[in-house]
C-alpha cells in the first residue's frame, strides 16, 4: 500500500470578471467580505465531501496589527481554526452571518 505523504496541493481557480462582480455584490448585500462569502461556500463543500455537519477550516492570519511587532522583521503568520457548524441546516443568510461572526471574533 502507498504511504501517506501529508503534502498539500494547489488547485488554481480562475473567476471571470462578471462572476467576481456578482460575488462581490452578493457579499455586500449580506454584509460580509468576499473572503467570508467564499469561506461559507468552502465550508459547505468540505462538509458535503467529508459527510460532516461540523467543519474546522484553518486560515492564515497576518498578525501584523500588534504594536509590538511593527518594528520586527520576520514571518508573523498564525493559523486560525475557524469552526463552522452546519448541523442545523442554516439558510444561506444564516450561514453567512455565522461565518461573519466566527471570522470577526477569531
Protein backbone atom coordinates (compact mmCIF):
# COMPACT_ATOMS: atom_id res chain seq x y z
CA UNK A 1 0.00 0.00 0.00
CA UNK A 2 1.09 3.60 -0.60
CA UNK A 3 2.47 5.73 2.20
CA UNK A 4 0.59 8.89 3.03
CA UNK A 5 2.82 11.90 2.35
CA UNK A 6 0.79 14.58 4.19
CA UNK A 7 1.77 17.02 1.46
CA UNK A 8 -0.78 19.55 0.36
CA UNK A 9 -1.50 20.52 -3.17
CA UNK A 10 -2.73 23.51 -5.07
CA UNK A 11 -5.62 23.82 -7.46
CA UNK A 12 -5.64 27.12 -9.35
CA UNK A 13 -9.09 28.59 -9.83
CA UNK A 14 -9.92 31.46 -12.17
CA UNK A 15 -13.06 33.51 -11.68
CA UNK A 16 -14.05 35.69 -14.62
CA UNK A 17 -14.74 39.39 -14.03
CA UNK A 18 -18.51 39.08 -14.36
CA UNK A 19 -18.79 36.31 -11.78
CA UNK A 20 -16.36 38.16 -9.49
CA UNK A 21 -18.55 41.27 -9.61
CA UNK A 22 -21.67 39.22 -8.91
CA UNK A 23 -19.97 37.58 -5.92
CA UNK A 24 -18.89 40.97 -4.59
CA UNK A 25 -22.43 42.37 -4.89
CA UNK A 26 -23.87 39.26 -3.22
CA UNK A 27 -21.44 39.56 -0.33
CA UNK A 28 -22.08 43.29 0.06
CA UNK A 29 -25.82 42.62 0.16
CA UNK A 30 -25.24 40.19 3.05
CA UNK A 31 -22.77 42.47 4.87
CA UNK A 32 -19.84 40.06 4.54
CA UNK A 33 -16.48 40.29 2.84
CA UNK A 34 -15.65 38.29 -0.25
CA UNK A 35 -13.41 36.14 1.95
CA UNK A 36 -16.33 35.36 4.27
CA UNK A 37 -18.59 34.53 1.34
CA UNK A 38 -16.05 32.17 -0.21
CA UNK A 39 -15.28 30.63 3.20
CA UNK A 40 -19.00 29.93 3.61
CA UNK A 41 -19.14 28.16 0.25
CA UNK A 42 -15.93 26.25 1.01
CA UNK A 43 -17.31 25.08 4.37
CA UNK A 44 -20.43 23.69 2.68
CA UNK A 45 -18.28 21.87 0.12
CA UNK A 46 -15.99 20.42 2.81
CA UNK A 47 -18.98 19.33 4.90
CA UNK A 48 -20.56 17.55 1.94
CA UNK A 49 -17.35 15.91 0.75
CA UNK A 50 -16.47 14.80 4.28
CA UNK A 51 -20.04 13.83 5.18
CA UNK A 52 -19.79 16.04 8.27
CA UNK A 53 -22.06 18.71 9.75
CA UNK A 54 -19.34 20.49 11.73
CA UNK A 55 -16.14 21.56 9.98
CA UNK A 56 -12.98 23.34 11.06
CA UNK A 57 -11.03 25.24 8.42
CA UNK A 58 -7.56 26.66 9.01
CA UNK A 59 -6.91 30.15 7.64
CA UNK A 60 -3.74 32.25 7.84
CA UNK A 61 -3.76 35.48 9.81
CA UNK A 62 -1.05 38.09 9.17
CA UNK A 63 -0.89 39.16 12.84
CA UNK A 64 0.74 42.49 11.94
CA UNK A 65 -1.78 44.70 13.74
CA UNK A 66 0.06 44.45 17.05
CA UNK A 67 2.28 47.37 18.04
CA UNK A 68 4.97 45.09 19.48
CA UNK A 69 5.60 43.53 16.04
CA UNK A 70 5.67 46.75 13.99
CA UNK A 71 9.48 47.15 14.06
CA UNK A 72 10.31 43.45 13.79
CA UNK A 73 11.31 41.56 10.67
CA UNK A 74 10.01 38.07 10.26
CA UNK A 75 7.14 35.80 9.43
CA UNK A 76 4.32 36.59 11.84
CA UNK A 77 1.55 34.41 10.49
CA UNK A 78 -0.75 32.40 12.70
CA UNK A 79 -3.19 29.80 11.52
CA UNK A 80 -6.67 30.34 12.90
CA UNK A 81 -9.02 27.37 13.21
CA UNK A 82 -12.49 28.55 12.20
CA UNK A 83 -15.31 26.22 13.21
CA UNK A 84 -18.41 26.26 11.01
CA UNK A 85 -21.47 24.41 12.34
CA UNK A 86 -23.88 23.21 9.68
CA UNK A 87 -25.81 20.83 11.95
CA UNK A 88 -28.97 22.96 12.00
CA UNK A 89 -29.08 23.24 8.17
CA UNK A 90 -28.68 27.03 8.19
CA UNK A 91 -30.06 29.12 5.36
CA UNK A 92 -27.53 30.95 3.18
CA UNK A 93 -28.13 34.15 5.15
CA UNK A 94 -27.72 32.32 8.49
CA UNK A 95 -24.53 30.63 7.32
CA UNK A 96 -23.05 33.91 6.11
CA UNK A 97 -23.85 35.56 9.45
CA UNK A 98 -22.33 32.63 11.37
CA UNK A 99 -19.15 32.78 9.27
CA UNK A 100 -19.03 36.57 9.67
CA UNK A 101 -19.27 36.32 13.46
CA UNK A 102 -16.78 33.44 13.62
CA UNK A 103 -14.28 35.33 11.47
CA UNK A 104 -14.60 38.62 13.34
CA UNK A 105 -14.19 37.01 16.76
CA UNK A 106 -11.26 34.76 15.80
